[in-house]
Amino acid sequence: MPKGLQGKMYYSISEVAEMVGVVPYVLRFWEKEFPHIKPRKNRAGNRTYQAKDIQRIMQIKRLLYEQGFTIEGARNFLKKEGKQVTENSSAERTRALLHEIRLELEDILKLFS
C-alpha cells in the first residue's frame, strides 16, 4: 500500500497528487490517457480516489518517470500485464478443477476395487 494512506476509503485529487508527487492536472491528464484510472465522483462532482486507484497511479508514474516509458508504451505494458494476470488466474482455476476431478476419479476407482 502506498505511503501516506491514512486508512481512509476515499482521497481527494489534491491528497493523491501530494502523495504521488505530481500536480493535480497531471492526474486529470493521466485519467484521459489511461483507462486504468477511474476515480469516482462524489455528489459535488469532485474526484475521489481509492487505494487501488492510487496504487495504479504510482505504477504509471514509475513507468513514465523512472523506467522511461512513453504514454503509449506504458498503456500497452499495463494492458499486457492485465491480460497476463487474467491468464494466470485462469490457469490456477484450471489446475484446481483438474485436482478436484482427479480426487473424484480416485474415489470412483475405490468404489470399484
PDB file of N, CA and C in Angstrom:
ATOM      1  N   MET A   1       0.840  -1.173   0.000  1.00  0.00           N
ATOM      2  CA  MET A   1       0.000   0.000   0.000  1.00  0.00           C
ATOM      3  C   MET A   1       0.888   1.240   0.000  1.00  0.00           C
ATOM      4  N   PRO A   2       0.527   2.258  -0.789  1.00  0.00           N
ATOM      5  CA  PRO A   2       1.364   3.449  -0.888  1.00  0.00           C
ATOM      6  C   PRO A   2       1.521   4.172   0.441  1.00  0.00           C
ATOM      7  N   LYS A   3       2.685   4.802   0.591  1.00  0.00           N
ATOM      8  CA  LYS A   3       2.929   5.598   1.792  1.00  0.00           C
ATOM      9  C   LYS A   3       1.964   6.773   1.792  1.00  0.00           C
ATOM     10  N   GLY A   4       1.577   7.202   2.962  1.00  0.00           N
ATOM     11  CA  GLY A   4       0.722   8.367   3.068  1.00  0.00           C
ATOM     12  C   GLY A   4      -0.752   8.034   3.145  1.00  0.00           C
ATOM     13  N   LEU A   5      -1.135   6.789   2.915  1.00  0.00           N
ATOM     14  CA  LEU A   5      -2.542   6.427   3.038  1.00  0.00           C
ATOM     15  C   LEU A   5      -2.882   6.362   4.518  1.00  0.00           C
ATOM     16  N   GLN A   6      -3.914   7.098   4.899  1.00  0.00           N
ATOM     17  CA  GLN A   6      -4.263   7.176   6.312  1.00  0.00           C
ATOM     18  C   GLN A   6      -5.391   6.231   6.685  1.00  0.00           C
ATOM     19  N   GLY A   7      -5.673   5.248   5.878  1.00  0.00           N
ATOM     20  CA  GLY A   7      -6.742   4.319   6.194  1.00  0.00           C
ATOM     21  C   GLY A   7      -8.112   4.842   5.799  1.00  0.00           C
ATOM     22  N   LYS A   8      -8.159   5.921   5.035  1.00  0.00           N
ATOM     23  CA  LYS A   8      -9.430   6.451   4.558  1.00  0.00           C
ATOM     24  C   LYS A   8      -9.893   5.632   3.357  1.00  0.00           C
ATOM     25  N   MET A   9     -11.180   5.681   3.090  1.00  0.00           N
ATOM     26  CA  MET A   9     -11.697   4.976   1.913  1.00  0.00           C
ATOM     27  C   MET A   9     -11.483   5.794   0.647  1.00  0.00           C
ATOM     28  N   TYR A  10     -11.618   7.112   0.752  1.00  0.00           N
ATOM     29  CA  TYR A  10     -11.531   7.970  -0.421  1.00  0.00           C
ATOM     30  C   TYR A  10     -10.579   9.131  -0.168  1.00  0.00           C
ATOM     31  N   TYR A  11      -9.886   9.530  -1.227  1.00  0.00           N
ATOM     32  CA  TYR A  11      -8.931  10.628  -1.157  1.00  0.00           C
ATOM     33  C   TYR A  11      -9.247  11.621  -2.264  1.00  0.00           C
ATOM     34  N   SER A  12      -9.035  12.895  -1.985  1.00  0.00           N
ATOM     35  CA  SER A  12      -9.270  13.933  -2.988  1.00  0.00           C
ATOM     36  C   SER A  12      -8.110  13.968  -3.975  1.00  0.00           C
ATOM     37  N   ILE A  13      -8.315  14.657  -5.080  1.00  0.00           N
ATOM     38  CA  ILE A  13      -7.270  14.746  -6.099  1.00  0.00           C
ATOM     39  C   ILE A  13      -6.032  15.451  -5.544  1.00  0.00           C
ATOM     40  N   SER A  14      -6.228  16.453  -4.684  1.00  0.00           N
ATOM     41  CA  SER A  14      -5.060  17.155  -4.130  1.00  0.00           C
ATOM     42  C   SER A  14      -4.283  16.260  -3.168  1.00  0.00           C
ATOM     43  N   GLU A  15      -4.987  15.430  -2.388  1.00  0.00           N
ATOM     44  CA  GLU A  15      -4.299  14.495  -1.492  1.00  0.00           C
ATOM     45  C   GLU A  15      -3.490  13.476  -2.293  1.00  0.00           C
ATOM     46  N   VAL A  16      -4.091  12.957  -3.357  1.00  0.00           N
ATOM     47  CA  VAL A  16      -3.411  11.958  -4.183  1.00  0.00           C
ATOM     48  C   VAL A  16      -2.217  12.589  -4.887  1.00  0.00           C
ATOM     49  N   ALA A  17      -2.402  13.785  -5.419  1.00  0.00           N
ATOM     50  CA  ALA A  17      -1.306  14.471  -6.104  1.00  0.00           C
ATOM     51  C   ALA A  17      -0.120  14.659  -5.160  1.00  0.00           C
ATOM     52  N   GLU A  18      -0.399  15.035  -3.928  1.00  0.00           N
ATOM     53  CA  GLU A  18       0.675  15.229  -2.948  1.00  0.00           C
ATOM     54  C   GLU A  18       1.362  13.904  -2.614  1.00  0.00           C
ATOM     55  N   MET A  19       0.568  12.841  -2.422  1.00  0.00           N
ATOM     56  CA  MET A  19       1.142  11.525  -2.103  1.00  0.00           C
ATOM     57  C   MET A  19       2.047  11.027  -3.218  1.00  0.00           C
ATOM     58  N   VAL A  20       1.584  11.199  -4.451  1.00  0.00           N
ATOM     59  CA  VAL A  20       2.285  10.642  -5.606  1.00  0.00           C
ATOM     60  C   VAL A  20       3.443  11.536  -6.042  1.00  0.00           C
ATOM     61  N   GLY A  21       3.323  12.825  -5.773  1.00  0.00           N
ATOM     62  CA  GLY A  21       4.393  13.745  -6.150  1.00  0.00           C
ATOM     63  C   GLY A  21       4.209  14.347  -7.533  1.00  0.00           C
ATOM     64  N   VAL A  22       2.961  14.548  -7.924  1.00  0.00           N
ATOM     65  CA  VAL A  22       2.654  15.230  -9.187  1.00  0.00           C
ATOM     66  C   VAL A  22       1.604  16.295  -8.882  1.00  0.00           C
ATOM     67  N   VAL A  23       1.352  17.156  -9.849  1.00  0.00           N
ATOM     68  CA  VAL A  23       0.320  18.179  -9.664  1.00  0.00           C
ATOM     69  C   VAL A  23      -1.028  17.632 -10.140  1.00  0.00           C
ATOM     70  N   PRO A  24      -2.140  18.166  -9.620  1.00  0.00           N
ATOM     71  CA  PRO A  24      -3.455  17.617  -9.962  1.00  0.00           C
ATOM     72  C   PRO A  24      -3.756  17.541 -11.458  1.00  0.00           C
ATOM     73  N   TYR A  25      -3.289  18.522 -12.252  1.00  0.00           N
ATOM     74  CA  TYR A  25      -3.626  18.457 -13.675  1.00  0.00           C
ATOM     75  C   TYR A  25      -2.964  17.268 -14.362  1.00  0.00           C
ATOM     76  N   VAL A  26      -1.851  16.773 -13.820  1.00  0.00           N
ATOM     77  CA  VAL A  26      -1.219  15.568 -14.370  1.00  0.00           C
ATOM     78  C   VAL A  26      -2.133  14.364 -14.139  1.00  0.00           C
ATOM     79  N   LEU A  27      -2.730  14.288 -12.961  1.00  0.00           N
ATOM     80  CA  LEU A  27      -3.665  13.192 -12.683  1.00  0.00           C
ATOM     81  C   LEU A  27      -4.860  13.250 -13.627  1.00  0.00           C
ATOM     82  N   ARG A  28      -5.389  14.460 -13.863  1.00  0.00           N
ATOM     83  CA  ARG A  28      -6.528  14.587 -14.779  1.00  0.00           C
ATOM     84  C   ARG A  28      -6.126  14.178 -16.192  1.00  0.00           C
ATOM     85  N   PHE A  29      -4.913  14.537 -16.602  1.00  0.00           N
ATOM     86  CA  PHE A  29      -4.422  14.147 -17.926  1.00  0.00           C
ATOM     87  C   PHE A  29      -4.268  12.632 -18.013  1.00  0.00           C
ATOM     88  N   TRP A  30      -3.668  12.021 -16.990  1.00  0.00           N
ATOM     89  CA  TRP A  30      -3.488  10.563 -16.988  1.00  0.00           C
ATOM     90  C   TRP A  30      -4.822   9.836 -17.044  1.00  0.00           C
ATOM     91  N   GLU A  31      -5.852  10.413 -16.408  1.00  0.00           N
ATOM     92  CA  GLU A  31      -7.190   9.811 -16.467  1.00  0.00           C
ATOM     93  C   GLU A  31      -7.658   9.648 -17.907  1.00  0.00           C
ATOM     94  N   LYS A  32      -7.362  10.651 -18.715  1.00  0.00           N
ATOM     95  CA  LYS A  32      -7.773  10.608 -20.126  1.00  0.00           C
ATOM     96  C   LYS A  32      -6.930   9.620 -20.919  1.00  0.00           C
ATOM     97  N   GLU A  33      -5.676   9.477 -20.560  1.00  0.00           N
ATOM     98  CA  GLU A  33      -4.747   8.636 -21.315  1.00  0.00           C
ATOM     99  C   GLU A  33      -4.755   7.170 -20.893  1.00  0.00           C
ATOM    100  N   PHE A  34      -5.095   6.906 -19.643  1.00  0.00           N
ATOM    101  CA  PHE A  34      -5.046   5.539 -19.119  1.00  0.00           C
ATOM    102  C   PHE A  34      -6.432   5.115 -18.641  1.00  0.00           C
ATOM    103  N   PRO A  35      -7.056   4.173 -19.340  1.00  0.00           N
ATOM    104  CA  PRO A  35      -8.376   3.708 -18.893  1.00  0.00           C
ATOM    105  C   PRO A  35      -8.311   2.986 -17.548  1.00  0.00           C
ATOM    106  N   HIS A  36      -7.105   2.714 -17.070  1.00  0.00           N
ATOM    107  CA  HIS A  36      -6.911   2.010 -15.799  1.00  0.00           C
ATOM    108  C   HIS A  36      -7.214   2.903 -14.598  1.00  0.00           C
ATOM    109  N   ILE A  37      -7.239   4.217 -14.809  1.00  0.00           N
ATOM    110  CA  ILE A  37      -7.506   5.153 -13.717  1.00  0.00           C
ATOM    111  C   ILE A  37      -8.954   5.619 -13.854  1.00  0.00           C
ATOM    112  N   LYS A  38      -9.773   5.218 -12.899  1.00  0.00           N
ATOM    113  CA  LYS A  38     -11.191   5.580 -12.947  1.00  0.00           C
ATOM    114  C   LYS A  38     -11.657   6.040 -11.570  1.00  0.00           C
ATOM    115  N   PRO A  39     -11.311   7.270 -11.188  1.00  0.00           N
ATOM    116  CA  PRO A  39     -11.793   7.725  -9.882  1.00  0.00           C
ATOM    117  C   PRO A  39     -13.305   7.945  -9.923  1.00  0.00           C
ATOM    118  N   ARG A  40     -13.930   7.738  -8.790  1.00  0.00           N
ATOM    119  CA  ARG A  40     -15.364   8.028  -8.684  1.00  0.00           C
ATOM    120  C   ARG A  40     -15.521   9.529  -8.499  1.00  0.00           C
ATOM    121  N   LYS A  41     -16.727   9.993  -8.710  1.00  0.00           N
ATOM    122  CA  LYS A  41     -17.012  11.399  -8.433  1.00  0.00           C
ATOM    123  C   LYS A  41     -18.101  11.448  -7.371  1.00  0.00           C
ATOM    124  N   ASN A  42     -17.928  12.362  -6.428  1.00  0.00           N
ATOM    125  CA  ASN A  42     -18.937  12.499  -5.375  1.00  0.00           C
ATOM    126  C   ASN A  42     -20.095  13.362  -5.880  1.00  0.00           C
ATOM    127  N   ARG A  43     -21.053  13.647  -5.017  1.00  0.00           N
ATOM    128  CA  ARG A  43     -22.231  14.427  -5.425  1.00  0.00           C
ATOM    129  C   ARG A  43     -21.865  15.802  -5.957  1.00  0.00           C
ATOM    130  N   ALA A  44     -20.797  16.355  -5.436  1.00  0.00           N
ATOM    131  CA  ALA A  44     -20.355  17.682  -5.874  1.00  0.00           C
ATOM    132  C   ALA A  44     -19.570  17.616  -7.181  1.00  0.00           C
ATOM    133  N   GLY A  45     -19.299  16.396  -7.671  1.00  0.00           N
ATOM    134  CA  GLY A  45     -18.554  16.244  -8.917  1.00  0.00           C
ATOM    135  C   GLY A  45     -17.049  16.182  -8.730  1.00  0.00           C
ATOM    136  N   ASN A  46     -16.599  16.127  -7.480  1.00  0.00           N
ATOM    137  CA  ASN A  46     -15.158  16.048  -7.205  1.00  0.00           C
ATOM    138  C   ASN A  46     -14.678  14.607  -7.331  1.00  0.00           C
ATOM    139  N   ARG A  47     -13.478  14.448  -7.855  1.00  0.00           N
ATOM    140  CA  ARG A  47     -12.896  13.113  -7.980  1.00  0.00           C
ATOM    141  C   ARG A  47     -12.550  12.562  -6.599  1.00  0.00           C
ATOM    142  N   THR A  48     -12.852  11.282  -6.410  1.00  0.00           N
ATOM    143  CA  THR A  48     -12.451  10.607  -5.176  1.00  0.00           C
ATOM    144  C   THR A  48     -11.726   9.327  -5.570  1.00  0.00           C
ATOM    145  N   TYR A  49     -10.548   9.157  -5.015  1.00  0.00           N
ATOM    146  CA  TYR A  49      -9.688   8.025  -5.356  1.00  0.00           C
ATOM    147  C   TYR A  49      -9.663   7.027  -4.210  1.00  0.00           C
ATOM    148  N   GLN A  50      -9.634   5.742  -4.554  1.00  0.00           N
ATOM    149  CA  GLN A  50      -9.477   4.687  -3.565  1.00  0.00           C
ATOM    150  C   GLN A  50      -8.026   4.212  -3.594  1.00  0.00           C
ATOM    151  N   ALA A  51      -7.649   3.385  -2.622  1.00  0.00           N
ATOM    152  CA  ALA A  51      -6.267   2.905  -2.520  1.00  0.00           C
ATOM    153  C   ALA A  51      -5.826   2.201  -3.801  1.00  0.00           C
ATOM    154  N   LYS A  52      -6.709   1.408  -4.421  1.00  0.00           N
ATOM    155  CA  LYS A  52      -6.335   0.699  -5.653  1.00  0.00           C
ATOM    156  C   LYS A  52      -6.044   1.683  -6.784  1.00  0.00           C
ATOM    157  N   ASP A  53      -6.780   2.809  -6.829  1.00  0.00           N
ATOM    158  CA  ASP A  53      -6.511   3.835  -7.838  1.00  0.00           C
ATOM    159  C   ASP A  53      -5.132   4.444  -7.610  1.00  0.00           C
ATOM    160  N   ILE A  54      -4.811   4.696  -6.355  1.00  0.00           N
ATOM    161  CA  ILE A  54      -3.528   5.318  -6.017  1.00  0.00           C
ATOM    162  C   ILE A  54      -2.374   4.376  -6.354  1.00  0.00           C
ATOM    163  N   GLN A  55      -2.553   3.087  -6.090  1.00  0.00           N
ATOM    164  CA  GLN A  55      -1.510   2.118  -6.445  1.00  0.00           C
ATOM    165  C   GLN A  55      -1.275   2.116  -7.950  1.00  0.00           C
ATOM    166  N   ARG A  56      -2.346   2.142  -8.733  1.00  0.00           N
ATOM    167  CA  ARG A  56      -2.217   2.152 -10.194  1.00  0.00           C
ATOM    168  C   ARG A  56      -1.537   3.443 -10.654  1.00  0.00           C
ATOM    169  N   ILE A  57      -1.892   4.571 -10.045  1.00  0.00           N
ATOM    170  CA  ILE A  57      -1.279   5.853 -10.406  1.00  0.00           C
ATOM    171  C   ILE A  57       0.214   5.822 -10.107  1.00  0.00           C
ATOM    172  N   MET A  58       0.588   5.260  -8.966  1.00  0.00           N
ATOM    173  CA  MET A  58       2.011   5.172  -8.624  1.00  0.00           C
ATOM    174  C   MET A  58       2.747   4.266  -9.610  1.00  0.00           C
ATOM    175  N   GLN A  59       2.090   3.207 -10.054  1.00  0.00           N
ATOM    176  CA  GLN A  59       2.701   2.328 -11.047  1.00  0.00           C
ATOM    177  C   GLN A  59       2.908   3.084 -12.362  1.00  0.00           C
ATOM    178  N   ILE A  60       1.924   3.857 -12.768  1.00  0.00           N
ATOM    179  CA  ILE A  60       2.040   4.647 -14.000  1.00  0.00           C
ATOM    180  C   ILE A  60       3.171   5.657 -13.863  1.00  0.00           C
ATOM    181  N   LYS A  61       3.265   6.305 -12.713  1.00  0.00           N
ATOM    182  CA  LYS A  61       4.344   7.276 -12.503  1.00  0.00           C
ATOM    183  C   LYS A  61       5.710   6.595 -12.622  1.00  0.00           C
ATOM    184  N   ARG A  62       5.852   5.404 -12.016  1.00  0.00           N
ATOM    185  CA  ARG A  62       7.130   4.674 -12.116  1.00  0.00           C
ATOM    186  C   ARG A  62       7.455   4.356 -13.572  1.00  0.00           C
ATOM    187  N   LEU A  63       6.460   3.884 -14.310  1.00  0.00           N
ATOM    188  CA  LEU A  63       6.696   3.532 -15.712  1.00  0.00           C
ATOM    189  C   LEU A  63       7.143   4.746 -16.516  1.00  0.00           C
ATOM    190  N   LEU A  64       6.487   5.875 -16.306  1.00  0.00           N
ATOM    191  CA  LEU A  64       6.790   7.073 -17.092  1.00  0.00           C
ATOM    192  C   LEU A  64       8.055   7.785 -16.626  1.00  0.00           C
ATOM    193  N   TYR A  65       8.197   7.992 -15.329  1.00  0.00           N
ATOM    194  CA  TYR A  65       9.268   8.830 -14.807  1.00  0.00           C
ATOM    195  C   TYR A  65      10.555   8.071 -14.522  1.00  0.00           C
ATOM    196  N   GLU A  66      10.439   6.841 -14.025  1.00  0.00           N
ATOM    197  CA  GLU A  66      11.635   6.101 -13.633  1.00  0.00           C
ATOM    198  C   GLU A  66      12.113   5.143 -14.718  1.00  0.00           C
ATOM    199  N   GLN A  67      11.170   4.496 -15.406  1.00  0.00           N
ATOM    200  CA  GLN A  67      11.562   3.499 -16.396  1.00  0.00           C
ATOM    201  C   GLN A  67      11.581   4.049 -17.817  1.00  0.00           C
ATOM    202  N   GLY A  68      11.164   5.294 -18.001  1.00  0.00           N
ATOM    203  CA  GLY A  68      11.287   5.958 -19.290  1.00  0.00           C
ATOM    204  C   GLY A  68      10.294   5.529 -20.364  1.00  0.00           C
ATOM    205  N   PHE A  69       9.175   4.946 -19.979  1.00  0.00           N
ATOM    206  CA  PHE A  69       8.162   4.563 -20.957  1.00  0.00           C
ATOM    207  C   PHE A  69       7.502   5.808 -21.538  1.00  0.00           C
ATOM    208  N   THR A  70       7.045   5.709 -22.780  1.00  0.00           N
ATOM    209  CA  THR A  70       6.168   6.735 -23.327  1.00  0.00           C
ATOM    210  C   THR A  70       4.770   6.450 -22.792  1.00  0.00           C
ATOM    211  N   ILE A  71       3.859   7.376 -22.988  1.00  0.00           N
ATOM    212  CA  ILE A  71       2.486   7.143 -22.528  1.00  0.00           C
ATOM    213  C   ILE A  71       1.902   5.928 -23.235  1.00  0.00           C
ATOM    214  N   GLU A  72       2.097   5.850 -24.544  1.00  0.00           N
ATOM    215  CA  GLU A  72       1.585   4.703 -25.293  1.00  0.00           C
ATOM    216  C   GLU A  72       2.245   3.405 -24.831  1.00  0.00           C
ATOM    217  N   GLY A  73       3.548   3.451 -24.586  1.00  0.00           N
ATOM    218  CA  GLY A  73       4.262   2.269 -24.115  1.00  0.00           C
ATOM    219  C   GLY A  73       3.766   1.810 -22.751  1.00  0.00           C
ATOM    220  N   ALA A  74       3.534   2.763 -21.854  1.00  0.00           N
ATOM    221  CA  ALA A  74       3.021   2.424 -20.522  1.00  0.00           C
ATOM    222  C   ALA A  74       1.613   1.846 -20.630  1.00  0.00           C
ATOM    223  N   ARG A  75       0.798   2.433 -21.503  1.00  0.00           N
ATOM    224  CA  ARG A  75      -0.564   1.930 -21.702  1.00  0.00           C
ATOM    225  C   ARG A  75      -0.528   0.488 -22.199  1.00  0.00           C
ATOM    226  N   ASN A  76       0.338   0.212 -23.175  1.00  0.00           N
ATOM    227  CA  ASN A  76       0.469  -1.152 -23.703  1.00  0.00           C
ATOM    228  C   ASN A  76       0.993  -2.118 -22.641  1.00  0.00           C
ATOM    229  N   PHE A  77       1.954  -1.668 -21.848  1.00  0.00           N
ATOM    230  CA  PHE A  77       2.501  -2.502 -20.777  1.00  0.00           C
ATOM    231  C   PHE A  77       1.402  -2.891 -19.794  1.00  0.00           C
ATOM    232  N   LEU A  78       0.591  -1.922 -19.390  1.00  0.00           N
ATOM    233  CA  LEU A  78      -0.480  -2.191 -18.431  1.00  0.00           C
ATOM    234  C   LEU A  78      -1.541  -3.102 -19.031  1.00  0.00           C
ATOM    235  N   LYS A  79      -1.799  -2.935 -20.320  1.00  0.00           N
ATOM    236  CA  LYS A  79      -2.775  -3.796 -20.990  1.00  0.00           C
ATOM    237  C   LYS A  79      -2.274  -5.236 -21.013  1.00  0.00           C
ATOM    238  N   LYS A  80      -0.991  -5.404 -21.366  1.00  0.00           N
ATOM    239  CA  LYS A  80      -0.382  -6.744 -21.392  1.00  0.00           C
ATOM    240  C   LYS A  80      -0.365  -7.359 -19.997  1.00  0.00           C
ATOM    241  N   GLU A  81      -0.034  -6.544 -19.011  1.00  0.00           N
ATOM    242  CA  GLU A  81       0.012  -7.012 -17.626  1.00  0.00           C
ATOM    243  C   GLU A  81      -1.365  -7.495 -17.187  1.00  0.00           C
ATOM    244  N   GLY A  82      -2.407  -6.776 -17.566  1.00  0.00           N
ATOM    245  CA  GLY A  82      -3.770  -7.177 -17.226  1.00  0.00           C
ATOM    246  C   GLY A  82      -4.140  -8.502 -17.852  1.00  0.00           C
ATOM    247  N   LYS A  83      -3.732  -8.705 -19.113  1.00  0.00           N
ATOM    248  CA  LYS A  83      -4.004  -9.979 -19.789  1.00  0.00           C
ATOM    249  C   LYS A  83      -3.268 -11.111 -19.090  1.00  0.00           C
ATOM    250  N   GLN A  84      -2.029 -10.851 -18.685  1.00  0.00           N
ATOM    251  CA  GLN A  84      -1.219 -11.881 -18.032  1.00  0.00           C
ATOM    252  C   GLN A  84      -1.841 -12.283 -16.700  1.00  0.00           C
ATOM    253  N   VAL A  85      -2.342 -11.306 -15.944  1.00  0.00           N
ATOM    254  CA  VAL A  85      -2.991 -11.605 -14.666  1.00  0.00           C
ATOM    255  C   VAL A  85      -4.222 -12.463 -14.908  1.00  0.00           C
ATOM    256  N   THR A  86      -4.997 -12.124 -15.950  1.00  0.00           N
ATOM    257  CA  THR A  86      -6.189 -12.904 -16.283  1.00  0.00           C
ATOM    258  C   THR A  86      -5.808 -14.322 -16.675  1.00  0.00           C
ATOM    259  N   GLU A  87      -4.762 -14.461 -17.490  1.00  0.00           N
ATOM    260  CA  GLU A  87      -4.321 -15.789 -17.911  1.00  0.00           C
ATOM    261  C   GLU A  87      -3.832 -16.607 -16.717  1.00  0.00           C
ATOM    262  N   ASN A  88      -3.090 -15.974 -15.817  1.00  0.00           N
ATOM    263  CA  ASN A  88      -2.583 -16.684 -14.636  1.00  0.00           C
ATOM    264  C   ASN A  88      -3.725 -17.160 -13.749  1.00  0.00           C
ATOM    265  N   SER A  89      -4.719 -16.307 -13.527  1.00  0.00           N
ATOM    266  CA  SER A  89      -5.828 -16.727 -12.668  1.00  0.00           C
ATOM    267  C   SER A  89      -6.647 -17.810 -13.350  1.00  0.00           C
ATOM    268  N   SER A  90      -6.743 -17.759 -14.673  1.00  0.00           N
ATOM    269  CA  SER A  90      -7.446 -18.799 -15.416  1.00  0.00           C
ATOM    270  C   SER A  90      -6.705 -20.129 -15.290  1.00  0.00           C
ATOM    271  N   ALA A  91      -5.384 -20.099 -15.385  1.00  0.00           N
ATOM    272  CA  ALA A  91      -4.577 -21.316 -15.254  1.00  0.00           C
ATOM    273  C   ALA A  91      -4.718 -21.900 -13.845  1.00  0.00           C
ATOM    274  N   GLU A  92      -4.768 -21.038 -12.847  1.00  0.00           N
ATOM    275  CA  GLU A  92      -4.929 -21.512 -11.465  1.00  0.00           C
ATOM    276  C   GLU A  92      -6.285 -22.186 -11.281  1.00  0.00           C
ATOM    277  N   ARG A  93      -7.325 -21.594 -11.854  1.00  0.00           N
ATOM    278  CA  ARG A  93      -8.659 -22.206 -11.757  1.00  0.00           C
ATOM    279  C   ARG A  93      -8.679 -23.558 -12.452  1.00  0.00           C
ATOM    280  N   THR A  94      -8.012 -23.650 -13.606  1.00  0.00           N
ATOM    281  CA  THR A  94      -7.958 -24.914 -14.346  1.00  0.00           C
ATOM    282  C   THR A  94      -7.246 -25.978 -13.527  1.00  0.00           C
ATOM    283  N   ARG A  95      -6.115 -25.615 -12.900  1.00  0.00           N
ATOM    284  CA  ARG A  95      -5.381 -26.565 -12.058  1.00  0.00           C
ATOM    285  C   ARG A  95      -6.248 -27.057 -10.900  1.00  0.00           C
ATOM    286  N   ALA A  96      -6.954 -26.148 -10.274  1.00  0.00           N
ATOM    287  CA  ALA A  96      -7.814 -26.520  -9.142  1.00  0.00           C
ATOM    288  C   ALA A  96      -8.930 -27.453  -9.604  1.00  0.00           C
ATOM    289  N   LEU A  97      -9.507 -27.165 -10.760  1.00  0.00           N
ATOM    290  CA  LEU A  97     -10.564 -28.014 -11.299  1.00  0.00           C
ATOM    291  C   LEU A  97     -10.032 -29.407 -11.620  1.00  0.00           C
ATOM    292  N   LEU A  98      -8.863 -29.468 -12.246  1.00  0.00           N
ATOM    293  CA  LEU A  98      -8.262 -30.764 -12.561  1.00  0.00           C
ATOM    294  C   LEU A  98      -7.966 -31.559 -11.290  1.00  0.00           C
ATOM    295  N   HIS A  99      -7.518 -30.883 -10.257  1.00  0.00           N
ATOM    296  CA  HIS A  99      -7.243 -31.551  -8.981  1.00  0.00           C
ATOM    297  C   HIS A  99      -8.534 -32.151  -8.405  1.00  0.00           C
ATOM    298  N   GLU A 100      -9.617 -31.379  -8.459  1.00  0.00           N
ATOM    299  CA  GLU A 100     -10.904 -31.884  -7.963  1.00  0.00           C
ATOM    300  C   GLU A 100     -11.360 -33.098  -8.768  1.00  0.00           C
ATOM    301  N   ILE A 101     -11.206 -33.027 -10.084  1.00  0.00           N
ATOM    302  CA  ILE A 101     -11.600 -34.150 -10.948  1.00  0.00           C
ATOM    303  C   ILE A 101     -10.785 -35.383 -10.605  1.00  0.00           C
ATOM    304  N   ARG A 102      -9.494 -35.193 -10.395  1.00  0.00           N
ATOM    305  CA  ARG A 102      -8.627 -36.322 -10.056  1.00  0.00           C
ATOM    306  C   ARG A 102      -9.079 -36.988  -8.755  1.00  0.00           C
ATOM    307  N   LEU A 103      -9.383 -36.161  -7.754  1.00  0.00           N
ATOM    308  CA  LEU A 103      -9.841 -36.706  -6.473  1.00  0.00           C
ATOM    309  C   LEU A 103     -11.143 -37.487  -6.641  1.00  0.00           C
ATOM    310  N   GLU A 104     -12.053 -36.956  -7.447  1.00  0.00           N
ATOM    311  CA  GLU A 104     -13.313 -37.662  -7.680  1.00  0.00           C
ATOM    312  C   GLU A 104     -13.082 -38.983  -8.407  1.00  0.00           C
ATOM    313  N   LEU A 105     -12.187 -38.974  -9.388  1.00  0.00           N
ATOM    314  CA  LEU A 105     -11.879 -40.210 -10.114  1.00  0.00           C
ATOM    315  C   LEU A 105     -11.249 -41.249  -9.186  1.00  0.00           C
ATOM    316  N   GLU A 106     -10.384 -40.803  -8.291  1.00  0.00           N
ATOM    317  CA  GLU A 106      -9.779 -41.727  -7.327  1.00  0.00           C
ATOM    318  C   GLU A 106     -10.849 -42.333  -6.424  1.00  0.00           C
ATOM    319  N   ASP A 107     -11.826 -41.516  -6.016  1.00  0.00           N
ATOM    320  CA  ASP A 107     -12.936 -42.033  -5.200  1.00  0.00           C
ATOM    321  C   ASP A 107     -13.749 -43.069  -5.972  1.00  0.00           C
ATOM    322  N   ILE A 108     -13.973 -42.814  -7.252  1.00  0.00           N
ATOM    323  CA  ILE A 108     -14.724 -43.760  -8.089  1.00  0.00           C
ATOM    324  C   ILE A 108     -13.963 -45.071  -8.221  1.00  0.00           C
ATOM    325  N   LEU A 109     -12.644 -44.978  -8.417  1.00  0.00           N
ATOM    326  CA  LEU A 109     -11.828 -46.195  -8.519  1.00  0.00           C
ATOM    327  C   LEU A 109     -11.897 -47.012  -7.231  1.00  0.00           C
ATOM    328  N   LYS A 110     -11.921 -46.339  -6.089  1.00  0.00           N
ATOM    329  CA  LYS A 110     -12.012 -47.042  -4.805  1.00  0.00           C
ATOM    330  C   LYS A 110     -13.334 -47.804  -4.699  1.00  0.00           C
ATOM    331  N   LEU A 111     -14.390 -47.248  -5.271  1.00  0.00           N
ATOM    332  CA  LEU A 111     -15.691 -47.928  -5.238  1.00  0.00           C
ATOM    333  C   LEU A 111     -15.658 -49.246  -6.018  1.00  0.00           C
ATOM    334  N   PHE A 112     -14.906 -49.282  -7.097  1.00  0.00           N
ATOM    335  CA  PHE A 112     -14.835 -50.477  -7.943  1.00  0.00           C
ATOM    336  C   PHE A 112     -13.807 -51.492  -7.464  1.00  0.00           C
ATOM    337  N   SER A 113     -12.946 -51.122  -6.531  1.00  0.00           N
ATOM    338  CA  SER A 113     -11.942 -52.080  -6.068  1.00  0.00           C
ATOM    339  C   SER A 113     -12.429 -52.870  -4.888  1.00  0.00           C
TER     340      SER A 113
END
